[in-house]
PDB file of N, CA and C in Angstrom:
ATOM      1  N   UNK A   1    -175.778 -15.841 -80.092  1.00  0.00           N
ATOM      2  CA  UNK A   1    -175.594 -14.758 -79.140  1.00  0.00           C
ATOM      3  C   UNK A   1    -176.833 -14.649 -78.253  1.00  0.00           C
ATOM      4  N   UNK A   2    -176.599 -14.384 -76.977  1.00  0.00           N
ATOM      5  CA  UNK A   2    -177.717 -14.180 -76.066  1.00  0.00           C
ATOM      6  C   UNK A   2    -178.489 -12.921 -76.477  1.00  0.00           C
ATOM      7  N   UNK A   3    -179.783 -12.945 -76.277  1.00  0.00           N
ATOM      8  CA  UNK A   3    -180.645 -11.779 -76.492  1.00  0.00           C
ATOM      9  C   UNK A   3    -181.028 -11.259 -75.109  1.00  0.00           C
ATOM     10  N   UNK A   4    -180.562 -10.073 -74.756  1.00  0.00           N
ATOM     11  CA  UNK A   4    -180.790  -9.555 -73.405  1.00  0.00           C
ATOM     12  C   UNK A   4    -182.267  -9.395 -73.075  1.00  0.00           C
ATOM     13  N   UNK A   5    -183.115  -9.330 -74.064  1.00  0.00           N
ATOM     14  CA  UNK A   5    -184.553  -9.186 -73.834  1.00  0.00           C
ATOM     15  C   UNK A   5    -185.198 -10.500 -73.357  1.00  0.00           C
ATOM     16  N   UNK A   6    -184.505 -11.606 -73.509  1.00  0.00           N
ATOM     17  CA  UNK A   6    -185.081 -12.908 -73.168  1.00  0.00           C
ATOM     18  C   UNK A   6    -184.747 -13.373 -71.751  1.00  0.00           C
ATOM     19  N   UNK A   7    -184.039 -12.543 -70.987  1.00  0.00           N
ATOM     20  CA  UNK A   7    -183.743 -12.876 -69.596  1.00  0.00           C
ATOM     21  C   UNK A   7    -184.910 -12.467 -68.724  1.00  0.00           C
ATOM     22  N   UNK A   8    -185.196 -13.285 -67.713  1.00  0.00           N
ATOM     23  CA  UNK A   8    -186.237 -12.977 -66.731  1.00  0.00           C
ATOM     24  C   UNK A   8    -185.731 -13.365 -65.350  1.00  0.00           C
ATOM     25  N   UNK A   9    -186.266 -12.680 -64.357  1.00  0.00           N
ATOM     26  CA  UNK A   9    -185.979 -13.053 -62.971  1.00  0.00           C
ATOM     27  C   UNK A   9    -187.211 -13.754 -62.436  1.00  0.00           C
ATOM     28  N   UNK A  10    -187.025 -14.976 -61.983  1.00  0.00           N
ATOM     29  CA  UNK A  10    -188.109 -15.769 -61.397  1.00  0.00           C
ATOM     30  C   UNK A  10    -187.691 -16.129 -59.980  1.00  0.00           C
ATOM     31  N   UNK A  11    -188.264 -15.408 -59.011  1.00  0.00           N
ATOM     32  CA  UNK A  11    -187.844 -15.603 -57.620  1.00  0.00           C
ATOM     33  C   UNK A  11    -186.425 -15.127 -57.471  1.00  0.00           C
ATOM     34  N   UNK A  12    -185.532 -16.020 -57.046  1.00  0.00           N
ATOM     35  CA  UNK A  12    -184.122 -15.641 -56.933  1.00  0.00           C
ATOM     36  C   UNK A  12    -183.279 -16.225 -58.066  1.00  0.00           C
ATOM     37  N   UNK A  13    -183.959 -16.699 -59.110  1.00  0.00           N
ATOM     38  CA  UNK A  13    -183.263 -17.277 -60.257  1.00  0.00           C
ATOM     39  C   UNK A  13    -183.325 -16.361 -61.477  1.00  0.00           C
ATOM     40  N   UNK A  14    -182.214 -16.299 -62.185  1.00  0.00           N
ATOM     41  CA  UNK A  14    -182.166 -15.646 -63.484  1.00  0.00           C
ATOM     42  C   UNK A  14    -182.354 -16.747 -64.517  1.00  0.00           C
ATOM     43  N   UNK A  15    -183.292 -16.564 -65.432  1.00  0.00           N
ATOM     44  CA  UNK A  15    -183.555 -17.573 -66.457  1.00  0.00           C
ATOM     45  C   UNK A  15    -183.472 -16.937 -67.844  1.00  0.00           C
ATOM     46  N   UNK A  16    -183.192 -17.776 -68.818  1.00  0.00           N
ATOM     47  CA  UNK A  16    -183.126 -17.365 -70.215  1.00  0.00           C
ATOM     48  C   UNK A  16    -183.928 -18.381 -71.012  1.00  0.00           C
ATOM     49  N   UNK A  17    -184.993 -17.921 -71.616  1.00  0.00           N
ATOM     50  CA  UNK A  17    -185.888 -18.812 -72.359  1.00  0.00           C
ATOM     51  C   UNK A  17    -186.258 -20.032 -71.506  1.00  0.00           C
ATOM     52  N   UNK A  18    -186.614 -19.783 -70.257  1.00  0.00           N
ATOM     53  CA  UNK A  18    -187.030 -20.795 -69.293  1.00  0.00           C
ATOM     54  C   UNK A  18    -185.927 -21.774 -68.884  1.00  0.00           C
ATOM     55  N   UNK A  19    -184.669 -21.444 -69.161  1.00  0.00           N
ATOM     56  CA  UNK A  19    -183.543 -22.258 -68.710  1.00  0.00           C
ATOM     57  C   UNK A  19    -182.839 -21.524 -67.577  1.00  0.00           C
ATOM     58  N   UNK A  20    -182.482 -22.268 -66.529  1.00  0.00           N
ATOM     59  CA  UNK A  20    -181.760 -21.691 -65.395  1.00  0.00           C
ATOM     60  C   UNK A  20    -180.425 -21.135 -65.854  1.00  0.00           C
ATOM     61  N   UNK A  21    -180.114 -19.909 -65.419  1.00  0.00           N
ATOM     62  CA  UNK A  21    -178.838 -19.273 -65.732  1.00  0.00           C
ATOM     63  C   UNK A  21    -177.994 -19.127 -64.468  1.00  0.00           C
ATOM     64  N   UNK A  22    -178.587 -18.542 -63.410  1.00  0.00           N
ATOM     65  CA  UNK A  22    -177.852 -18.318 -62.172  1.00  0.00           C
ATOM     66  C   UNK A  22    -178.828 -18.007 -61.044  1.00  0.00           C
ATOM     67  N   UNK A  23    -178.344 -18.152 -59.816  1.00  0.00           N
ATOM     68  CA  UNK A  23    -179.136 -17.829 -58.640  1.00  0.00           C
ATOM     69  C   UNK A  23    -178.483 -16.636 -57.942  1.00  0.00           C
ATOM     70  N   UNK A  24    -179.318 -15.694 -57.476  1.00  0.00           N
ATOM     71  CA  UNK A  24    -178.833 -14.491 -56.809  1.00  0.00           C
ATOM     72  C   UNK A  24    -179.521 -14.322 -55.467  1.00  0.00           C
ATOM     73  N   UNK A  25    -178.845 -13.640 -54.545  1.00  0.00           N
ATOM     74  CA  UNK A  25    -179.428 -13.285 -53.260  1.00  0.00           C
ATOM     75  C   UNK A  25    -180.275 -12.041 -53.474  1.00  0.00           C
ATOM     76  N   UNK A  26    -181.575 -12.216 -53.627  1.00  0.00           N
ATOM     77  CA  UNK A  26    -182.456 -11.108 -53.967  1.00  0.00           C
ATOM     78  C   UNK A  26    -182.753 -10.195 -52.783  1.00  0.00           C
ATOM     79  N   UNK A  27    -182.307 -10.547 -51.582  1.00  0.00           N
ATOM     80  CA  UNK A  27    -182.511  -9.684 -50.417  1.00  0.00           C
ATOM     81  C   UNK A  27    -181.531  -8.514 -50.426  1.00  0.00           C
ATOM     82  N   UNK A  28    -180.478  -8.647 -51.198  1.00  0.00           N
ATOM     83  CA  UNK A  28    -179.441  -7.624 -51.279  1.00  0.00           C
ATOM     84  C   UNK A  28    -179.753  -6.696 -52.446  1.00  0.00           C
ATOM     85  N   UNK A  29    -180.085  -5.434 -52.149  1.00  0.00           N
ATOM     86  CA  UNK A  29    -180.466  -4.504 -53.224  1.00  0.00           C
ATOM     87  C   UNK A  29    -179.345  -4.281 -54.227  1.00  0.00           C
ATOM     88  N   UNK A  30    -178.072  -4.452 -53.801  1.00  0.00           N
ATOM     89  CA  UNK A  30    -176.959  -4.321 -54.728  1.00  0.00           C
ATOM     90  C   UNK A  30    -177.044  -5.389 -55.807  1.00  0.00           C
ATOM     91  N   UNK A  31    -177.499  -6.582 -55.436  1.00  0.00           N
ATOM     92  CA  UNK A  31    -177.656  -7.653 -56.414  1.00  0.00           C
ATOM     93  C   UNK A  31    -178.655  -7.252 -57.489  1.00  0.00           C
ATOM     94  N   UNK A  32    -179.780  -6.759 -57.049  1.00  0.00           N
ATOM     95  CA  UNK A  32    -180.848  -6.427 -57.986  1.00  0.00           C
ATOM     96  C   UNK A  32    -180.449  -5.239 -58.855  1.00  0.00           C
ATOM     97  N   UNK A  33    -179.847  -4.226 -58.253  1.00  0.00           N
ATOM     98  CA  UNK A  33    -179.560  -2.991 -58.977  1.00  0.00           C
ATOM     99  C   UNK A  33    -178.279  -3.007 -59.802  1.00  0.00           C
ATOM    100  N   UNK A  34    -177.280  -3.787 -59.391  1.00  0.00           N
ATOM    101  CA  UNK A  34    -175.994  -3.756 -60.092  1.00  0.00           C
ATOM    102  C   UNK A  34    -175.503  -5.109 -60.572  1.00  0.00           C
ATOM    103  N   UNK A  35    -175.542  -6.100 -59.696  1.00  0.00           N
ATOM    104  CA  UNK A  35    -174.926  -7.385 -60.026  1.00  0.00           C
ATOM    105  C   UNK A  35    -175.641  -8.111 -61.162  1.00  0.00           C
ATOM    106  N   UNK A  36    -176.951  -8.144 -61.115  1.00  0.00           N
ATOM    107  CA  UNK A  36    -177.679  -8.873 -62.163  1.00  0.00           C
ATOM    108  C   UNK A  36    -177.503  -8.205 -63.525  1.00  0.00           C
ATOM    109  N   UNK A  37    -177.687  -6.885 -63.638  1.00  0.00           N
ATOM    110  CA  UNK A  37    -177.443  -6.261 -64.943  1.00  0.00           C
ATOM    111  C   UNK A  37    -175.999  -6.452 -65.442  1.00  0.00           C
ATOM    112  N   UNK A  38    -175.024  -6.382 -64.539  1.00  0.00           N
ATOM    113  CA  UNK A  38    -173.627  -6.582 -64.929  1.00  0.00           C
ATOM    114  C   UNK A  38    -173.400  -8.017 -65.392  1.00  0.00           C
ATOM    115  N   UNK A  39    -173.994  -8.971 -64.682  1.00  0.00           N
ATOM    116  CA  UNK A  39    -173.876 -10.388 -65.035  1.00  0.00           C
ATOM    117  C   UNK A  39    -174.454 -10.630 -66.429  1.00  0.00           C
ATOM    118  N   UNK A  40    -175.656 -10.103 -66.666  1.00  0.00           N
ATOM    119  CA  UNK A  40    -176.314 -10.278 -67.964  1.00  0.00           C
ATOM    120  C   UNK A  40    -175.495  -9.632 -69.073  1.00  0.00           C
ATOM    121  N   UNK A  41    -175.045  -8.421 -68.849  1.00  0.00           N
ATOM    122  CA  UNK A  41    -174.265  -7.704 -69.861  1.00  0.00           C
ATOM    123  C   UNK A  41    -173.008  -8.477 -70.241  1.00  0.00           C
ATOM    124  N   UNK A  42    -172.287  -8.982 -69.244  1.00  0.00           N
ATOM    125  CA  UNK A  42    -171.069  -9.744 -69.523  1.00  0.00           C
ATOM    126  C   UNK A  42    -171.401 -11.028 -70.271  1.00  0.00           C
ATOM    127  N   UNK A  43    -172.453 -11.684 -69.856  1.00  0.00           N
ATOM    128  CA  UNK A  43    -172.874 -12.921 -70.498  1.00  0.00           C
ATOM    129  C   UNK A  43    -173.202 -12.683 -71.973  1.00  0.00           C
ATOM    130  N   UNK A  44    -173.973 -11.645 -72.246  1.00  0.00           N
ATOM    131  CA  UNK A  44    -174.371 -11.317 -73.624  1.00  0.00           C
ATOM    132  C   UNK A  44    -173.146 -11.003 -74.487  1.00  0.00           C
ATOM    133  N   UNK A  45    -172.183 -10.288 -73.925  1.00  0.00           N
ATOM    134  CA  UNK A  45    -171.010  -9.863 -74.694  1.00  0.00           C
ATOM    135  C   UNK A  45    -169.964 -10.951 -74.895  1.00  0.00           C
ATOM    136  N   UNK A  46    -169.977 -11.979 -74.046  1.00  0.00           N
ATOM    137  CA  UNK A  46    -168.862 -12.932 -74.061  1.00  0.00           C
ATOM    138  C   UNK A  46    -169.206 -14.393 -74.300  1.00  0.00           C
ATOM    139  N   UNK A  47    -170.485 -14.732 -74.354  1.00  0.00           N
ATOM    140  CA  UNK A  47    -170.863 -16.139 -74.491  1.00  0.00           C
ATOM    141  C   UNK A  47    -171.979 -16.331 -75.502  1.00  0.00           C
ATOM    142  N   UNK A  48    -171.960 -17.478 -76.119  1.00  0.00           N
ATOM    143  CA  UNK A  48    -173.089 -17.959 -76.911  1.00  0.00           C
ATOM    144  C   UNK A  48    -173.931 -18.821 -75.969  1.00  0.00           C
ATOM    145  N   UNK A  49    -175.249 -18.841 -76.127  1.00  0.00           N
ATOM    146  CA  UNK A  49    -176.079 -19.652 -75.232  1.00  0.00           C
ATOM    147  C   UNK A  49    -175.639 -21.117 -75.150  1.00  0.00           C
ATOM    148  N   UNK A  50    -175.344 -21.720 -76.291  1.00  0.00           N
ATOM    149  CA  UNK A  50    -174.954 -23.134 -76.299  1.00  0.00           C
ATOM    150  C   UNK A  50    -173.693 -23.348 -75.481  1.00  0.00           C
ATOM    151  N   UNK A  51    -172.725 -22.455 -75.628  1.00  0.00           N
ATOM    152  CA  UNK A  51    -171.463 -22.551 -74.894  1.00  0.00           C
ATOM    153  C   UNK A  51    -171.714 -22.453 -73.386  1.00  0.00           C
ATOM    154  N   UNK A  52    -172.479 -21.443 -72.968  1.00  0.00           N
ATOM    155  CA  UNK A  52    -172.737 -21.229 -71.550  1.00  0.00           C
ATOM    156  C   UNK A  52    -173.481 -22.410 -70.930  1.00  0.00           C
ATOM    157  N   UNK A  53    -174.556 -22.849 -71.573  1.00  0.00           N
ATOM    158  CA  UNK A  53    -175.354 -23.922 -70.987  1.00  0.00           C
ATOM    159  C   UNK A  53    -174.606 -25.249 -70.968  1.00  0.00           C
ATOM    160  N   UNK A  54    -173.706 -25.468 -71.902  1.00  0.00           N
ATOM    161  CA  UNK A  54    -172.864 -26.665 -71.869  1.00  0.00           C
ATOM    162  C   UNK A  54    -171.923 -26.607 -70.668  1.00  0.00           C
ATOM    163  N   UNK A  55    -171.299 -25.455 -70.450  1.00  0.00           N
ATOM    164  CA  UNK A  55    -170.405 -25.294 -69.301  1.00  0.00           C
ATOM    165  C   UNK A  55    -171.167 -25.402 -67.983  1.00  0.00           C
ATOM    166  N   UNK A  56    -172.410 -24.940 -67.970  1.00  0.00           N
ATOM    167  CA  UNK A  56    -173.232 -24.957 -66.755  1.00  0.00           C
ATOM    168  C   UNK A  56    -173.526 -26.386 -66.275  1.00  0.00           C
ATOM    169  N   UNK A  57    -173.363 -27.350 -67.151  1.00  0.00           N
ATOM    170  CA  UNK A  57    -173.576 -28.749 -66.760  1.00  0.00           C
ATOM    171  C   UNK A  57    -172.532 -29.208 -65.733  1.00  0.00           C
ATOM    172  N   UNK A  58    -171.343 -28.576 -65.725  1.00  0.00           N
ATOM    173  CA  UNK A  58    -170.268 -29.027 -64.837  1.00  0.00           C
ATOM    174  C   UNK A  58    -169.642 -27.919 -63.989  1.00  0.00           C
ATOM    175  N   UNK A  59    -170.019 -26.660 -64.249  1.00  0.00           N
ATOM    176  CA  UNK A  59    -169.405 -25.548 -63.528  1.00  0.00           C
ATOM    177  C   UNK A  59    -170.463 -24.623 -62.944  1.00  0.00           C
ATOM    178  N   UNK A  60    -170.054 -23.824 -61.967  1.00  0.00           N
ATOM    179  CA  UNK A  60    -170.937 -22.828 -61.366  1.00  0.00           C
ATOM    180  C   UNK A  60    -170.989 -21.578 -62.249  1.00  0.00           C
ATOM    181  N   UNK A  61    -172.122 -20.870 -62.239  1.00  0.00           N
ATOM    182  CA  UNK A  61    -172.264 -19.689 -63.101  1.00  0.00           C
ATOM    183  C   UNK A  61    -171.150 -18.657 -62.944  1.00  0.00           C
ATOM    184  N   UNK A  62    -170.795 -18.318 -61.707  1.00  0.00           N
ATOM    185  CA  UNK A  62    -169.766 -17.307 -61.505  1.00  0.00           C
ATOM    186  C   UNK A  62    -168.407 -17.787 -62.018  1.00  0.00           C
ATOM    187  N   UNK A  63    -168.105 -19.050 -61.846  1.00  0.00           N
ATOM    188  CA  UNK A  63    -166.847 -19.606 -62.359  1.00  0.00           C
ATOM    189  C   UNK A  63    -166.792 -19.538 -63.880  1.00  0.00           C
ATOM    190  N   UNK A  64    -167.920 -19.767 -64.507  1.00  0.00           N
ATOM    191  CA  UNK A  64    -167.977 -19.712 -65.972  1.00  0.00           C
ATOM    192  C   UNK A  64    -167.652 -18.299 -66.450  1.00  0.00           C
ATOM    193  N   UNK A  65    -168.293 -17.295 -65.856  1.00  0.00           N
ATOM    194  CA  UNK A  65    -168.035 -15.926 -66.278  1.00  0.00           C
ATOM    195  C   UNK A  65    -166.614 -15.487 -65.930  1.00  0.00           C
ATOM    196  N   UNK A  66    -166.134 -15.890 -64.767  1.00  0.00           N
ATOM    197  CA  UNK A  66    -164.767 -15.521 -64.381  1.00  0.00           C
ATOM    198  C   UNK A  66    -163.735 -16.092 -65.342  1.00  0.00           C
ATOM    199  N   UNK A  67    -164.048 -17.214 -65.980  1.00  0.00           N
ATOM    200  CA  UNK A  67    -163.101 -17.817 -66.917  1.00  0.00           C
ATOM    201  C   UNK A  67    -162.785 -16.881 -68.084  1.00  0.00           C
ATOM    202  N   UNK A  68    -163.670 -15.921 -68.327  1.00  0.00           N
ATOM    203  CA  UNK A  68    -163.443 -14.959 -69.412  1.00  0.00           C
ATOM    204  C   UNK A  68    -163.215 -13.541 -68.888  1.00  0.00           C
ATOM    205  N   UNK A  69    -162.913 -13.432 -67.587  1.00  0.00           N
ATOM    206  CA  UNK A  69    -162.502 -12.146 -67.052  1.00  0.00           C
ATOM    207  C   UNK A  69    -163.535 -11.358 -66.280  1.00  0.00           C
ATOM    208  N   UNK A  70    -164.683 -11.942 -65.968  1.00  0.00           N
ATOM    209  CA  UNK A  70    -165.729 -11.214 -65.238  1.00  0.00           C
ATOM    210  C   UNK A  70    -165.300 -10.910 -63.805  1.00  0.00           C
ATOM    211  N   UNK A  71    -165.534  -9.669 -63.403  1.00  0.00           N
ATOM    212  CA  UNK A  71    -165.339  -9.243 -62.017  1.00  0.00           C
ATOM    213  C   UNK A  71    -166.643  -8.561 -61.616  1.00  0.00           C
ATOM    214  N   UNK A  72    -167.299  -9.071 -60.590  1.00  0.00           N
ATOM    215  CA  UNK A  72    -168.598  -8.537 -60.173  1.00  0.00           C
ATOM    216  C   UNK A  72    -168.457  -7.106 -59.653  1.00  0.00           C
ATOM    217  N   UNK A  73    -169.550  -6.336 -59.644  1.00  0.00           N
ATOM    218  CA  UNK A  73    -169.479  -4.966 -59.104  1.00  0.00           C
ATOM    219  C   UNK A  73    -168.975  -4.921 -57.661  1.00  0.00           C
ATOM    220  N   UNK A  74    -169.403  -5.866 -56.825  1.00  0.00           N
ATOM    221  CA  UNK A  74    -168.941  -5.906 -55.440  1.00  0.00           C
ATOM    222  C   UNK A  74    -167.443  -6.180 -55.374  1.00  0.00           C
ATOM    223  N   UNK A  75    -166.986  -7.177 -56.121  1.00  0.00           N
ATOM    224  CA  UNK A  75    -165.560  -7.506 -56.127  1.00  0.00           C
ATOM    225  C   UNK A  75    -164.748  -6.336 -56.675  1.00  0.00           C
ATOM    226  N   UNK A  76    -165.243  -5.694 -57.717  1.00  0.00           N
ATOM    227  CA  UNK A  76    -164.560  -4.548 -58.310  1.00  0.00           C
ATOM    228  C   UNK A  76    -164.357  -3.436 -57.265  1.00  0.00           C
ATOM    229  N   UNK A  77    -165.411  -3.163 -56.502  1.00  0.00           N
ATOM    230  CA  UNK A  77    -165.343  -2.114 -55.474  1.00  0.00           C
ATOM    231  C   UNK A  77    -164.322  -2.475 -54.387  1.00  0.00           C
ATOM    232  N   UNK A  78    -164.335  -3.727 -53.934  1.00  0.00           N
ATOM    233  CA  UNK A  78    -163.386  -4.166 -52.906  1.00  0.00           C
ATOM    234  C   UNK A  78    -161.952  -4.067 -53.434  1.00  0.00           C
ATOM    235  N   UNK A  79    -161.736  -4.514 -54.658  1.00  0.00           N
ATOM    236  CA  UNK A  79    -160.393  -4.467 -55.230  1.00  0.00           C
ATOM    237  C   UNK A  79    -159.868  -3.039 -55.298  1.00  0.00           C
ATOM    238  N   UNK A  80    -160.700  -2.127 -55.760  1.00  0.00           N
ATOM    239  CA  UNK A  80    -160.287  -0.719 -55.851  1.00  0.00           C
ATOM    240  C   UNK A  80    -159.985  -0.162 -54.463  1.00  0.00           C
ATOM    241  N   UNK A  81    -160.849  -0.463 -53.491  1.00  0.00           N
ATOM    242  CA  UNK A  81    -160.648   0.037 -52.123  1.00  0.00           C
ATOM    243  C   UNK A  81    -159.352  -0.450 -51.494  1.00  0.00           C
ATOM    244  N   UNK A  82    -158.898  -1.645 -51.866  1.00  0.00           N
ATOM    245  CA  UNK A  82    -157.677  -2.197 -51.295  1.00  0.00           C
ATOM    246  C   UNK A  82    -156.458  -2.037 -52.212  1.00  0.00           C
ATOM    247  N   UNK A  83    -156.614  -1.234 -53.263  1.00  0.00           N
ATOM    248  CA  UNK A  83    -155.481  -0.900 -54.114  1.00  0.00           C
ATOM    249  C   UNK A  83    -155.127  -1.918 -55.181  1.00  0.00           C
ATOM    250  N   UNK A  84    -156.054  -2.796 -55.511  1.00  0.00           N
ATOM    251  CA  UNK A  84    -155.827  -3.785 -56.566  1.00  0.00           C
ATOM    252  C   UNK A  84    -156.508  -3.325 -57.851  1.00  0.00           C
ATOM    253  N   UNK A  85    -155.988  -3.777 -58.985  1.00  0.00           N
ATOM    254  CA  UNK A  85    -156.651  -3.501 -60.257  1.00  0.00           C
ATOM    255  C   UNK A  85    -157.965  -4.268 -60.311  1.00  0.00           C
ATOM    256  N   UNK A  86    -159.040  -3.640 -60.776  1.00  0.00           N
ATOM    257  CA  UNK A  86    -160.336  -4.328 -60.836  1.00  0.00           C
ATOM    258  C   UNK A  86    -160.448  -5.215 -62.079  1.00  0.00           C
ATOM    259  N   UNK A  87    -159.527  -6.149 -62.192  1.00  0.00           N
ATOM    260  CA  UNK A  87    -159.451  -7.063 -63.329  1.00  0.00           C
ATOM    261  C   UNK A  87    -159.402  -8.497 -62.816  1.00  0.00           C
ATOM    262  N   UNK A  88    -159.469  -9.427 -63.746  1.00  0.00           N
ATOM    263  CA  UNK A  88    -159.361 -10.843 -63.382  1.00  0.00           C
ATOM    264  C   UNK A  88    -158.036 -11.101 -62.653  1.00  0.00           C
ATOM    265  N   UNK A  89    -156.962 -10.503 -63.161  1.00  0.00           N
ATOM    266  CA  UNK A  89    -155.653 -10.689 -62.548  1.00  0.00           C
ATOM    267  C   UNK A  89    -155.608 -10.074 -61.149  1.00  0.00           C
ATOM    268  N   UNK A  90    -156.184  -8.879 -61.001  1.00  0.00           N
ATOM    269  CA  UNK A  90    -156.241  -8.226 -59.696  1.00  0.00           C
ATOM    270  C   UNK A  90    -157.037  -9.043 -58.692  1.00  0.00           C
ATOM    271  N   UNK A  91    -158.136  -9.622 -59.161  1.00  0.00           N
ATOM    272  CA  UNK A  91    -158.972 -10.470 -58.309  1.00  0.00           C
ATOM    273  C   UNK A  91    -158.195 -11.706 -57.859  1.00  0.00           C
ATOM    274  N   UNK A  92    -157.502 -12.345 -58.794  1.00  0.00           N
ATOM    275  CA  UNK A  92    -156.720 -13.534 -58.455  1.00  0.00           C
ATOM    276  C   UNK A  92    -155.612 -13.203 -57.458  1.00  0.00           C
ATOM    277  N   UNK A  93    -154.951 -12.050 -57.652  1.00  0.00           N
ATOM    278  CA  UNK A  93    -153.894 -11.631 -56.742  1.00  0.00           C
ATOM    279  C   UNK A  93    -154.455 -11.338 -55.355  1.00  0.00           C
ATOM    280  N   UNK A  94    -155.575 -10.621 -55.287  1.00  0.00           N
ATOM    281  CA  UNK A  94    -156.225 -10.318 -54.008  1.00  0.00           C
ATOM    282  C   UNK A  94    -156.568 -11.610 -53.272  1.00  0.00           C
ATOM    283  N   UNK A  95    -157.194 -12.550 -53.963  1.00  0.00           N
ATOM    284  CA  UNK A  95    -157.603 -13.803 -53.321  1.00  0.00           C
ATOM    285  C   UNK A  95    -156.397 -14.616 -52.865  1.00  0.00           C
ATOM    286  N   UNK A  96    -155.322 -14.590 -53.640  1.00  0.00           N
ATOM    287  CA  UNK A  96    -154.111 -15.318 -53.261  1.00  0.00           C
ATOM    288  C   UNK A  96    -153.458 -14.686 -52.037  1.00  0.00           C
ATOM    289  N   UNK A  97    -153.348 -13.373 -52.045  1.00  0.00           N
ATOM    290  CA  UNK A  97    -152.666 -12.674 -50.952  1.00  0.00           C
ATOM    291  C   UNK A  97    -153.467 -12.625 -49.662  1.00  0.00           C
ATOM    292  N   UNK A  98    -154.793 -12.555 -49.768  1.00  0.00           N
ATOM    293  CA  UNK A  98    -155.606 -12.425 -48.552  1.00  0.00           C
ATOM    294  C   UNK A  98    -156.225 -13.734 -48.091  1.00  0.00           C
ATOM    295  N   UNK A  99    -156.313 -14.699 -48.988  1.00  0.00           N
ATOM    296  CA  UNK A  99    -156.979 -15.954 -48.650  1.00  0.00           C
ATOM    297  C   UNK A  99    -158.478 -15.825 -48.646  1.00  0.00           C
ATOM    298  N   UNK A 100    -158.990 -14.680 -49.094  1.00  0.00           N
ATOM    299  CA  UNK A 100    -160.445 -14.434 -49.134  1.00  0.00           C
ATOM    300  C   UNK A 100    -160.953 -14.582 -50.558  1.00  0.00           C
ATOM    301  N   UNK A 101    -162.162 -15.094 -50.679  1.00  0.00           N
ATOM    302  CA  UNK A 101    -162.807 -15.234 -51.981  1.00  0.00           C
ATOM    303  C   UNK A 101    -163.911 -14.188 -52.108  1.00  0.00           C
ATOM    304  N   UNK A 102    -163.893 -13.466 -53.212  1.00  0.00           N
ATOM    305  CA  UNK A 102    -164.928 -12.463 -53.469  1.00  0.00           C
ATOM    306  C   UNK A 102    -165.949 -13.008 -54.444  1.00  0.00           C
ATOM    307  N   UNK A 103    -167.223 -12.627 -54.234  1.00  0.00           N
ATOM    308  CA  UNK A 103    -168.280 -13.034 -55.159  1.00  0.00           C
ATOM    309  C   UNK A 103    -168.346 -12.060 -56.305  1.00  0.00           C
TER     310      UNK A 103
END
């Protein structure tokens, strides 16, 4: 299980025990205040480090988390505003119907 105390932000990278986890746009205060904590929380609750880092060899970080139902705070807000459920299914339906991809 991931230990939330072992995550660090180095520049625009999130690292865990000196291993790359994900890259974030640090110029956006929403990323720093909401997205990163939400990303870490979901990661800790749903993945083992070995599982995540193995998947990271061939997949993007957001795709890995989405595979288990992650919806980012920004995507959640957009889905609610447009009348969709803020779930993996709601996100998939929104993207299919609008042709837009949410981060």
